[in-house]
PDB file of all heavy atoms in Angstrom:
ATOM      1  N   ILE A   1     -18.355 -12.530  -7.720  1.00  0.00           N
ATOM      2  CA  ILE A   1     -17.998 -13.944  -7.734  1.00  0.00           C
ATOM      3  C   ILE A   1     -16.704 -14.145  -6.946  1.00  0.00           C
ATOM      4  O   ILE A   1     -16.006 -13.187  -6.606  1.00  0.00           O
ATOM      5  CB  ILE A   1     -17.819 -14.473  -9.168  1.00  0.00           C
ATOM      6  CG1 ILE A   1     -16.606 -13.793  -9.833  1.00  0.00           C
ATOM      7  CG2 ILE A   1     -19.071 -14.286  -9.987  1.00  0.00           C
ATOM      8  CD1 ILE A   1     -16.097 -14.511 -11.053  1.00  0.00           C
ATOM      9  N   THR A   2     -16.368 -15.399  -6.665  1.00  0.00           N
ATOM     10  CA  THR A   2     -15.120 -15.744  -5.985  1.00  0.00           C
ATOM     11  C   THR A   2     -14.330 -16.707  -6.860  1.00  0.00           C
ATOM     12  O   THR A   2     -14.899 -17.646  -7.431  1.00  0.00           O
ATOM     13  CB  THR A   2     -15.408 -16.380  -4.613  1.00  0.00           C
ATOM     14  OG1 THR A   2     -16.059 -15.408  -3.787  1.00  0.00           O
ATOM     15  CG2 THR A   2     -14.132 -16.842  -3.926  1.00  0.00           C
ATOM     16  N   TYR A   3     -13.029 -16.455  -6.987  1.00  0.00           N
ATOM     17  CA  TYR A   3     -12.193 -17.315  -7.811  1.00  0.00           C
ATOM     18  C   TYR A   3     -12.307 -18.768  -7.335  1.00  0.00           C
ATOM     19  O   TYR A   3     -12.273 -19.045  -6.129  1.00  0.00           O
ATOM     20  CB  TYR A   3     -10.719 -16.908  -7.727  1.00  0.00           C
ATOM     21  CG  TYR A   3     -10.348 -15.600  -8.399  1.00  0.00           C
ATOM     22  CD1 TYR A   3     -11.307 -14.699  -8.852  1.00  0.00           C
ATOM     23  CD2 TYR A   3      -9.011 -15.258  -8.575  1.00  0.00           C
ATOM     24  CE1 TYR A   3     -10.949 -13.509  -9.461  1.00  0.00           C
ATOM     25  CE2 TYR A   3      -8.641 -14.062  -9.177  1.00  0.00           C
ATOM     26  CZ  TYR A   3      -9.606 -13.191  -9.616  1.00  0.00           C
ATOM     27  OH  TYR A   3      -9.241 -12.009 -10.208  1.00  0.00           O
ATOM     28  N   SER A   4     -12.394 -19.681  -8.274  1.00  0.00           N
ATOM     29  CA  SER A   4     -12.481 -21.101  -7.937  1.00  0.00           C
ATOM     30  C   SER A   4     -11.121 -21.623  -7.482  1.00  0.00           C
ATOM     31  O   SER A   4     -10.072 -20.997  -7.701  1.00  0.00           O
ATOM     32  CB  SER A   4     -12.941 -21.895  -9.157  1.00  0.00           C
ATOM     33  OG  SER A   4     -11.923 -21.900 -10.152  1.00  0.00           O
ATOM     34  N   GLU A   5     -11.134 -22.761  -6.846  1.00  0.00           N
ATOM     35  CA  GLU A   5      -9.887 -23.385  -6.393  1.00  0.00           C
ATOM     36  C   GLU A   5      -8.975 -23.676  -7.583  1.00  0.00           C
ATOM     37  O   GLU A   5      -7.749 -23.530  -7.497  1.00  0.00           O
ATOM     38  CB  GLU A   5     -10.187 -24.668  -5.627  1.00  0.00           C
ATOM     39  CG  GLU A   5      -8.947 -25.305  -5.007  1.00  0.00           C
ATOM     40  CD  GLU A   5      -9.266 -26.415  -4.036  1.00  0.00           C
ATOM     41  OE1 GLU A   5     -10.454 -26.607  -3.708  1.00  0.00           O
ATOM     42  OE2 GLU A   5      -8.323 -27.106  -3.600  1.00  0.00           O
ATOM     43  N   GLU A   6      -9.569 -24.067  -8.714  1.00  0.00           N
ATOM     44  CA  GLU A   6      -8.770 -24.358  -9.904  1.00  0.00           C
ATOM     45  C   GLU A   6      -8.090 -23.102 -10.434  1.00  0.00           C
ATOM     46  O   GLU A   6      -6.909 -23.132 -10.811  1.00  0.00           O
ATOM     47  CB  GLU A   6      -9.668 -24.961 -10.991  1.00  0.00           C
ATOM     48  CG  GLU A   6      -8.995 -25.166 -12.340  1.00  0.00           C
ATOM     49  CD  GLU A   6      -7.881 -26.207 -12.336  1.00  0.00           C
ATOM     50  OE1 GLU A   6      -7.715 -26.908 -11.314  1.00  0.00           O
ATOM     51  OE2 GLU A   6      -7.171 -26.319 -13.355  1.00  0.00           O
ATOM     52  N   VAL A   7      -8.803 -21.987 -10.457  1.00  0.00           N
ATOM     53  CA  VAL A   7      -8.198 -20.724 -10.891  1.00  0.00           C
ATOM     54  C   VAL A   7      -7.061 -20.338  -9.955  1.00  0.00           C
ATOM     55  O   VAL A   7      -5.974 -19.934 -10.402  1.00  0.00           O
ATOM     56  CB  VAL A   7      -9.263 -19.604 -10.954  1.00  0.00           C
ATOM     57  CG1 VAL A   7      -8.603 -18.230 -11.024  1.00  0.00           C
ATOM     58  CG2 VAL A   7     -10.165 -19.804 -12.172  1.00  0.00           C
ATOM     59  N   CYS A   8      -7.281 -20.466  -8.656  1.00  0.00           N
ATOM     60  CA  CYS A   8      -6.224 -20.140  -7.684  1.00  0.00           C
ATOM     61  C   CYS A   8      -5.023 -21.062  -7.853  1.00  0.00           C
ATOM     62  O   CYS A   8      -3.866 -20.619  -7.751  1.00  0.00           O
ATOM     63  CB  CYS A   8      -6.770 -20.226  -6.258  1.00  0.00           C
ATOM     64  SG  CYS A   8      -8.000 -18.969  -5.861  1.00  0.00           S
ATOM     65  N   ARG A   9      -5.290 -22.332  -8.091  1.00  0.00           N
ATOM     66  CA  ARG A   9      -4.192 -23.283  -8.288  1.00  0.00           C
ATOM     67  C   ARG A   9      -3.351 -22.890  -9.496  1.00  0.00           C
ATOM     68  O   ARG A   9      -2.104 -22.887  -9.436  1.00  0.00           O
ATOM     69  CB  ARG A   9      -4.758 -24.706  -8.479  1.00  0.00           C
ATOM     70  CG  ARG A   9      -3.685 -25.782  -8.611  1.00  0.00           C
ATOM     71  CD  ARG A   9      -4.290 -27.107  -9.052  1.00  0.00           C
ATOM     72  NE  ARG A   9      -4.855 -27.028 -10.399  1.00  0.00           N
ATOM     73  CZ  ARG A   9      -4.122 -27.056 -11.513  1.00  0.00           C
ATOM     74  NH1 ARG A   9      -2.796 -27.131 -11.462  1.00  0.00           N
ATOM     75  NH2 ARG A   9      -4.713 -26.985 -12.690  1.00  0.00           N
ATOM     76  N   ARG A  10      -4.015 -22.550 -10.585  1.00  0.00           N
ATOM     77  CA  ARG A  10      -3.278 -22.161 -11.796  1.00  0.00           C
ATOM     78  C   ARG A  10      -2.574 -20.808 -11.601  1.00  0.00           C
ATOM     79  O   ARG A  10      -1.481 -20.595 -12.123  1.00  0.00           O
ATOM     80  CB  ARG A  10      -4.235 -22.107 -12.987  1.00  0.00           C
ATOM     81  CG  ARG A  10      -4.762 -23.476 -13.378  1.00  0.00           C
ATOM     82  CD  ARG A  10      -5.804 -23.405 -14.475  1.00  0.00           C
ATOM     83  NE  ARG A  10      -5.247 -23.026 -15.773  1.00  0.00           N
ATOM     84  CZ  ARG A  10      -5.965 -22.962 -16.897  1.00  0.00           C
ATOM     85  NH1 ARG A  10      -7.270 -23.258 -16.863  1.00  0.00           N
ATOM     86  NH2 ARG A  10      -5.406 -22.619 -18.040  1.00  0.00           N
ATOM     87  N   MET A  11      -3.190 -19.928 -10.835  1.00  0.00           N
ATOM     88  CA  MET A  11      -2.568 -18.636 -10.553  1.00  0.00           C
ATOM     89  C   MET A  11      -1.269 -18.839  -9.776  1.00  0.00           C
ATOM     90  O   MET A  11      -0.246 -18.205 -10.060  1.00  0.00           O
ATOM     91  CB  MET A  11      -3.539 -17.762  -9.756  1.00  0.00           C
ATOM     92  CG  MET A  11      -3.164 -16.298  -9.674  1.00  0.00           C
ATOM     93  SD  MET A  11      -3.438 -15.364 -11.204  1.00  0.00           S
ATOM     94  CE  MET A  11      -5.233 -15.267 -11.259  1.00  0.00           C
ATOM     95  N   ALA A  12      -1.318 -19.723  -8.780  1.00  0.00           N
ATOM     96  CA  ALA A  12      -0.146 -19.973  -7.931  1.00  0.00           C
ATOM     97  C   ALA A  12       0.944 -20.741  -8.662  1.00  0.00           C
ATOM     98  O   ALA A  12       2.085 -20.802  -8.185  1.00  0.00           O
ATOM     99  CB  ALA A  12      -0.568 -20.739  -6.680  1.00  0.00           C
ATOM    100  N   ASN A  13       0.602 -21.307  -9.798  1.00  0.00           N
ATOM    101  CA  ASN A  13       1.570 -22.102 -10.549  1.00  0.00           C
ATOM    102  C   ASN A  13       2.025 -21.413 -11.829  1.00  0.00           C
ATOM    103  O   ASN A  13       2.629 -22.033 -12.705  1.00  0.00           O
ATOM    104  CB  ASN A  13       0.970 -23.475 -10.890  1.00  0.00           C
ATOM    105  CG  ASN A  13       2.026 -24.510 -11.196  1.00  0.00           C
ATOM    106  OD1 ASN A  13       3.108 -24.522 -10.599  1.00  0.00           O
ATOM    107  ND2 ASN A  13       1.738 -25.389 -12.146  1.00  0.00           N
ATOM    108  N   LEU A  14       1.749 -20.117 -11.959  1.00  0.00           N
ATOM    109  CA  LEU A  14       2.189 -19.382 -13.140  1.00  0.00           C
ATOM    110  C   LEU A  14       3.716 -19.412 -13.259  1.00  0.00           C
ATOM    111  O   LEU A  14       4.424 -19.418 -12.253  1.00  0.00           O
ATOM    112  CB  LEU A  14       1.709 -17.927 -13.078  1.00  0.00           C
ATOM    113  CG  LEU A  14       0.217 -17.665 -13.296  1.00  0.00           C
ATOM    114  CD1 LEU A  14      -0.093 -16.187 -13.056  1.00  0.00           C
ATOM    115  CD2 LEU A  14      -0.214 -18.081 -14.696  1.00  0.00           C
ATOM    116  N   SER A  15       4.176 -19.393 -14.493  1.00  0.00           N
ATOM    117  CA  SER A  15       5.622 -19.354 -14.745  1.00  0.00           C
ATOM    118  C   SER A  15       5.912 -18.153 -15.639  1.00  0.00           C
ATOM    119  O   SER A  15       6.171 -18.290 -16.846  1.00  0.00           O
ATOM    120  CB  SER A  15       6.079 -20.648 -15.414  1.00  0.00           C
ATOM    121  OG  SER A  15       5.872 -21.753 -14.562  1.00  0.00           O
ATOM    122  N   PRO A  16       5.863 -16.950 -15.073  1.00  0.00           N
ATOM    123  CA  PRO A  16       6.056 -15.742 -15.883  1.00  0.00           C
ATOM    124  C   PRO A  16       7.489 -15.600 -16.370  1.00  0.00           C
ATOM    125  O   PRO A  16       8.437 -16.004 -15.690  1.00  0.00           O
ATOM    126  CB  PRO A  16       5.689 -14.618 -14.913  1.00  0.00           C
ATOM    127  CG  PRO A  16       5.910 -15.187 -13.554  1.00  0.00           C
ATOM    128  CD  PRO A  16       5.603 -16.637 -13.659  1.00  0.00           C
ATOM    129  N   ALA A  17       7.619 -15.028 -17.548  1.00  0.00           N
ATOM    130  CA  ALA A  17       8.963 -14.786 -18.095  1.00  0.00           C
ATOM    131  C   ALA A  17       9.678 -13.699 -17.314  1.00  0.00           C
ATOM    132  O   ALA A  17      10.909 -13.704 -17.199  1.00  0.00           O
ATOM    133  CB  ALA A  17       8.856 -14.404 -19.569  1.00  0.00           C
ATOM    134  N   ALA A  18       8.928 -12.752 -16.760  1.00  0.00           N
ATOM    135  CA  ALA A  18       9.511 -11.640 -16.011  1.00  0.00           C
ATOM    136  C   ALA A  18       9.758 -12.052 -14.564  1.00  0.00           C
ATOM    137  O   ALA A  18       8.834 -12.472 -13.872  1.00  0.00           O
ATOM    138  CB  ALA A  18       8.581 -10.425 -16.055  1.00  0.00           C
ATOM    139  N   GLU A  19      11.001 -11.924 -14.101  1.00  0.00           N
ATOM    140  CA  GLU A  19      11.315 -12.276 -12.714  1.00  0.00           C
ATOM    141  C   GLU A  19      10.629 -11.329 -11.737  1.00  0.00           C
ATOM    142  O   GLU A  19      10.435 -11.669 -10.565  1.00  0.00           O
ATOM    143  CB  GLU A  19      12.827 -12.243 -12.483  1.00  0.00           C
ATOM    144  CG  GLU A  19      13.446 -10.849 -12.647  1.00  0.00           C
ATOM    145  CD  GLU A  19      14.934 -10.833 -12.341  1.00  0.00           C
ATOM    146  OE1 GLU A  19      15.491 -11.909 -12.041  1.00  0.00           O
ATOM    147  OE2 GLU A  19      15.530  -9.738 -12.405  1.00  0.00           O
ATOM    148  N   ASP A  20      10.263 -10.136 -12.201  1.00  0.00           N
ATOM    149  CA  ASP A  20       9.617  -9.151 -11.342  1.00  0.00           C
ATOM    150  C   ASP A  20       8.093  -9.119 -11.516  1.00  0.00           C
ATOM    151  O   ASP A  20       7.441  -8.149 -11.130  1.00  0.00           O
ATOM    152  CB  ASP A  20      10.199  -7.759 -11.568  1.00  0.00           C
ATOM    153  CG  ASP A  20      10.229  -7.345 -13.035  1.00  0.00           C
ATOM    154  OD1 ASP A  20       9.946  -8.192 -13.899  1.00  0.00           O
ATOM    155  OD2 ASP A  20      10.553  -6.179 -13.317  1.00  0.00           O
ATOM    156  N   PHE A  21       7.550 -10.181 -12.081  1.00  0.00           N
ATOM    157  CA  PHE A  21       6.094 -10.301 -12.197  1.00  0.00           C
ATOM    158  C   PHE A  21       5.497 -10.525 -10.809  1.00  0.00           C
ATOM    159  O   PHE A  21       6.018 -11.304 -10.008  1.00  0.00           O
ATOM    160  CB  PHE A  21       5.728 -11.476 -13.105  1.00  0.00           C
ATOM    161  CG  PHE A  21       4.246 -11.760 -13.194  1.00  0.00           C
ATOM    162  CD1 PHE A  21       3.468 -11.161 -14.167  1.00  0.00           C
ATOM    163  CD2 PHE A  21       3.638 -12.639 -12.302  1.00  0.00           C
ATOM    164  CE1 PHE A  21       2.110 -11.424 -14.258  1.00  0.00           C
ATOM    165  CE2 PHE A  21       2.276 -12.909 -12.381  1.00  0.00           C
ATOM    166  CZ  PHE A  21       1.517 -12.302 -13.365  1.00  0.00           C
ATOM    167  N   ARG A  22       4.382  -9.831 -10.521  1.00  0.00           N
ATOM    168  CA  ARG A  22       3.701 -10.002  -9.248  1.00  0.00           C
ATOM    169  C   ARG A  22       2.191 -10.101  -9.453  1.00  0.00           C
ATOM    170  O   ARG A  22       1.612  -9.388 -10.285  1.00  0.00           O
ATOM    171  CB  ARG A  22       3.990  -8.825  -8.299  1.00  0.00           C
ATOM    172  CG  ARG A  22       5.442  -8.732  -7.833  1.00  0.00           C
ATOM    173  CD  ARG A  22       5.844  -9.890  -6.935  1.00  0.00           C
ATOM    174  NE  ARG A  22       7.204  -9.777  -6.433  1.00  0.00           N
ATOM    175  CZ  ARG A  22       8.290 -10.249  -7.065  1.00  0.00           C
ATOM    176  NH1 ARG A  22       8.153 -10.850  -8.249  1.00  0.00           N
ATOM    177  NH2 ARG A  22       9.486 -10.129  -6.522  1.00  0.00           N
ATOM    178  N   ILE A  23       1.578 -10.965  -8.670  1.00  0.00           N
ATOM    179  CA  ILE A  23       0.121 -11.044  -8.602  1.00  0.00           C
ATOM    180  C   ILE A  23      -0.336 -10.051  -7.547  1.00  0.00           C
ATOM    181  O   ILE A  23       0.006 -10.190  -6.365  1.00  0.00           O
ATOM    182  CB  ILE A  23      -0.349 -12.463  -8.224  1.00  0.00           C
ATOM    183  CG1 ILE A  23       0.141 -13.492  -9.244  1.00  0.00           C
ATOM    184  CG2 ILE A  23      -1.870 -12.507  -8.092  1.00  0.00           C
ATOM    185  CD1 ILE A  23      -0.029 -14.938  -8.778  1.00  0.00           C
ATOM    186  N   TYR A  24      -1.063  -9.032  -7.942  1.00  0.00           N
ATOM    187  CA  TYR A  24      -1.605  -8.047  -6.996  1.00  0.00           C
ATOM    188  C   TYR A  24      -2.958  -8.559  -6.511  1.00  0.00           C
ATOM    189  O   TYR A  24      -3.983  -8.354  -7.151  1.00  0.00           O
ATOM    190  CB  TYR A  24      -1.721  -6.686  -7.676  1.00  0.00           C
ATOM    191  CG  TYR A  24      -0.437  -5.883  -7.629  1.00  0.00           C
ATOM    192  CD1 TYR A  24       0.740  -6.353  -8.201  1.00  0.00           C
ATOM    193  CD2 TYR A  24      -0.389  -4.651  -6.983  1.00  0.00           C
ATOM    194  CE1 TYR A  24       1.920  -5.634  -8.144  1.00  0.00           C
ATOM    195  CE2 TYR A  24       0.781  -3.908  -6.914  1.00  0.00           C
ATOM    196  CZ  TYR A  24       1.931  -4.405  -7.495  1.00  0.00           C
ATOM    197  OH  TYR A  24       3.098  -3.698  -7.433  1.00  0.00           O
ATOM    198  N   TRP A  25      -2.924  -9.234  -5.367  1.00  0.00           N
ATOM    199  CA  TRP A  25      -4.063  -9.995  -4.830  1.00  0.00           C
ATOM    200  C   TRP A  25      -4.803  -9.105  -3.826  1.00  0.00           C
ATOM    201  O   TRP A  25      -4.509  -9.078  -2.641  1.00  0.00           O
ATOM    202  CB  TRP A  25      -3.514 -11.243  -4.160  1.00  0.00           C
ATOM    203  CG  TRP A  25      -4.427 -12.394  -3.895  1.00  0.00           C
ATOM    204  CD1 TRP A  25      -4.863 -12.823  -2.679  1.00  0.00           C
ATOM    205  CD2 TRP A  25      -4.968 -13.323  -4.846  1.00  0.00           C
ATOM    206  NE1 TRP A  25      -5.644 -13.947  -2.798  1.00  0.00           N
ATOM    207  CE2 TRP A  25      -5.726 -14.280  -4.124  1.00  0.00           C
ATOM    208  CE3 TRP A  25      -4.901 -13.437  -6.234  1.00  0.00           C
ATOM    209  CZ2 TRP A  25      -6.383 -15.335  -4.755  1.00  0.00           C
ATOM    210  CZ3 TRP A  25      -5.568 -14.482  -6.852  1.00  0.00           C
ATOM    211  CH2 TRP A  25      -6.294 -15.411  -6.118  1.00  0.00           C
ATOM    212  N   ASP A  26      -5.774  -8.351  -4.308  1.00  0.00           N
ATOM    213  CA  ASP A  26      -6.493  -7.372  -3.490  1.00  0.00           C
ATOM    214  C   ASP A  26      -7.680  -8.073  -2.828  1.00  0.00           C
ATOM    215  O   ASP A  26      -8.792  -8.070  -3.352  1.00  0.00           O
ATOM    216  CB  ASP A  26      -6.957  -6.207  -4.371  1.00  0.00           C
ATOM    217  CG  ASP A  26      -7.657  -5.121  -3.582  1.00  0.00           C
ATOM    218  OD1 ASP A  26      -7.705  -5.222  -2.342  1.00  0.00           O
ATOM    219  OD2 ASP A  26      -8.159  -4.162  -4.204  1.00  0.00           O
ATOM    220  N   ASN A  27      -7.428  -8.624  -1.651  1.00  0.00           N
ATOM    221  CA  ASN A  27      -8.449  -9.445  -0.976  1.00  0.00           C
ATOM    222  C   ASN A  27      -9.340  -8.558  -0.095  1.00  0.00           C
ATOM    223  O   ASN A  27      -9.439  -8.740   1.121  1.00  0.00           O
ATOM    224  CB  ASN A  27      -7.755 -10.528  -0.147  1.00  0.00           C
ATOM    225  CG  ASN A  27      -8.643 -11.744   0.058  1.00  0.00           C
ATOM    226  OD1 ASN A  27      -9.817 -11.736  -0.287  1.00  0.00           O
ATOM    227  ND2 ASN A  27      -8.077 -12.795   0.620  1.00  0.00           N
ATOM    228  N   ALA A  28     -10.003  -7.616  -0.736  1.00  0.00           N
ATOM    229  CA  ALA A  28     -10.737  -6.570  -0.024  1.00  0.00           C
ATOM    230  C   ALA A  28     -11.981  -7.065   0.694  1.00  0.00           C
ATOM    231  O   ALA A  28     -12.420  -6.460   1.679  1.00  0.00           O
ATOM    232  CB  ALA A  28     -11.125  -5.465  -1.015  1.00  0.00           C
ATOM    233  N   TYR A  29     -12.587  -8.157   0.223  1.00  0.00           N
ATOM    234  CA  TYR A  29     -13.895  -8.571   0.739  1.00  0.00           C
ATOM    235  C   TYR A  29     -13.857  -9.953   1.397  1.00  0.00           C
ATOM    236  O   TYR A  29     -14.853 -10.668   1.406  1.00  0.00           O
ATOM    237  CB  TYR A  29     -14.925  -8.547  -0.396  1.00  0.00           C
ATOM    238  CG  TYR A  29     -14.973  -7.215  -1.097  1.00  0.00           C
ATOM    239  CD1 TYR A  29     -14.491  -7.059  -2.389  1.00  0.00           C
ATOM    240  CD2 TYR A  29     -15.458  -6.089  -0.446  1.00  0.00           C
ATOM    241  CE1 TYR A  29     -14.493  -5.825  -3.022  1.00  0.00           C
ATOM    242  CE2 TYR A  29     -15.469  -4.845  -1.063  1.00  0.00           C
ATOM    243  CZ  TYR A  29     -14.993  -4.719  -2.350  1.00  0.00           C
ATOM    244  OH  TYR A  29     -15.002  -3.488  -2.965  1.00  0.00           O
ATOM    245  N   CYS A  30     -12.694 -10.298   1.969  1.00  0.00           N
ATOM    246  CA  CYS A  30     -12.493 -11.664   2.475  1.00  0.00           C
ATOM    247  C   CYS A  30     -13.421 -12.029   3.633  1.00  0.00           C
ATOM    248  O   CYS A  30     -13.646 -13.212   3.895  1.00  0.00           O
ATOM    249  CB  CYS A  30     -11.043 -11.879   2.863  1.00  0.00           C
ATOM    250  SG  CYS A  30     -10.412 -10.702   4.084  1.00  0.00           S
ATOM    251  N   VAL A  31     -13.960 -11.047   4.354  1.00  0.00           N
ATOM    252  CA  VAL A  31     -14.869 -11.357   5.462  1.00  0.00           C
ATOM    253  C   VAL A  31     -16.253 -10.733   5.243  1.00  0.00           C
ATOM    254  O   VAL A  31     -17.062 -10.678   6.163  1.00  0.00           O
ATOM    255  CB  VAL A  31     -14.290 -10.877   6.818  1.00  0.00           C
ATOM    256  CG1 VAL A  31     -13.071 -11.701   7.199  1.00  0.00           C
ATOM    257  CG2 VAL A  31     -13.963  -9.388   6.788  1.00  0.00           C
ATOM    258  N   HIS A  32     -16.533 -10.311   4.020  1.00  0.00           N
ATOM    259  CA  HIS A  32     -17.784  -9.600   3.738  1.00  0.00           C
ATOM    260  C   HIS A  32     -18.852 -10.549   3.202  1.00  0.00           C
ATOM    261  O   HIS A  32     -19.303 -10.449   2.059  1.00  0.00           O
ATOM    262  CB  HIS A  32     -17.532  -8.469   2.743  1.00  0.00           C
ATOM    263  CG  HIS A  32     -16.729  -7.345   3.303  1.00  0.00           C
ATOM    264  ND1 HIS A  32     -15.390  -7.448   3.574  1.00  0.00           N
ATOM    265  CD2 HIS A  32     -17.083  -6.087   3.657  1.00  0.00           C
ATOM    266  CE1 HIS A  32     -14.946  -6.290   4.058  1.00  0.00           C
ATOM    267  NE2 HIS A  32     -15.952  -5.466   4.127  1.00  0.00           N
ATOM    268  N   HIS A  33     -19.262 -11.482   4.046  1.00  0.00           N
ATOM    269  CA  HIS A  33     -20.309 -12.434   3.669  1.00  0.00           C
ATOM    270  C   HIS A  33     -21.694 -11.842   3.951  1.00  0.00           C
ATOM    271  O   HIS A  33     -21.870 -11.096   4.914  1.00  0.00           O
ATOM    272  CB  HIS A  33     -20.151 -13.736   4.455  1.00  0.00           C
ATOM    273  CG  HIS A  33     -18.765 -14.308   4.430  1.00  0.00           C
ATOM    274  ND1 HIS A  33     -18.189 -14.819   3.293  1.00  0.00           N
ATOM    275  CD2 HIS A  33     -17.839 -14.423   5.419  1.00  0.00           C
ATOM    276  CE1 HIS A  33     -16.966 -15.249   3.577  1.00  0.00           C
ATOM    277  NE2 HIS A  33     -16.727 -15.011   4.852  1.00  0.00           N
ATOM    278  N   LEU A  34     -22.663 -12.213   3.138  1.00  0.00           N
ATOM    279  CA  LEU A  34     -24.036 -11.777   3.358  1.00  0.00           C
ATOM    280  C   LEU A  34     -24.848 -12.789   4.150  1.00  0.00           C
ATOM    281  O   LEU A  34     -25.849 -12.447   4.768  1.00  0.00           O
ATOM    282  CB  LEU A  34     -24.739 -11.518   2.022  1.00  0.00           C
ATOM    283  CG  LEU A  34     -24.258 -10.300   1.215  1.00  0.00           C
ATOM    284  CD1 LEU A  34     -24.942 -10.267  -0.144  1.00  0.00           C
ATOM    285  CD2 LEU A  34     -24.527  -9.002   1.981  1.00  0.00           C
TER     286      LEU A  34
END
């Protein structure tokens, strides 16, 4: 599956308590369309 725009929007708007929090965005299949 592919993350929806709403999920991405909420991901980009996270407010983590840890200043060193990181989203590890492994975009491995960005051009792998069937």
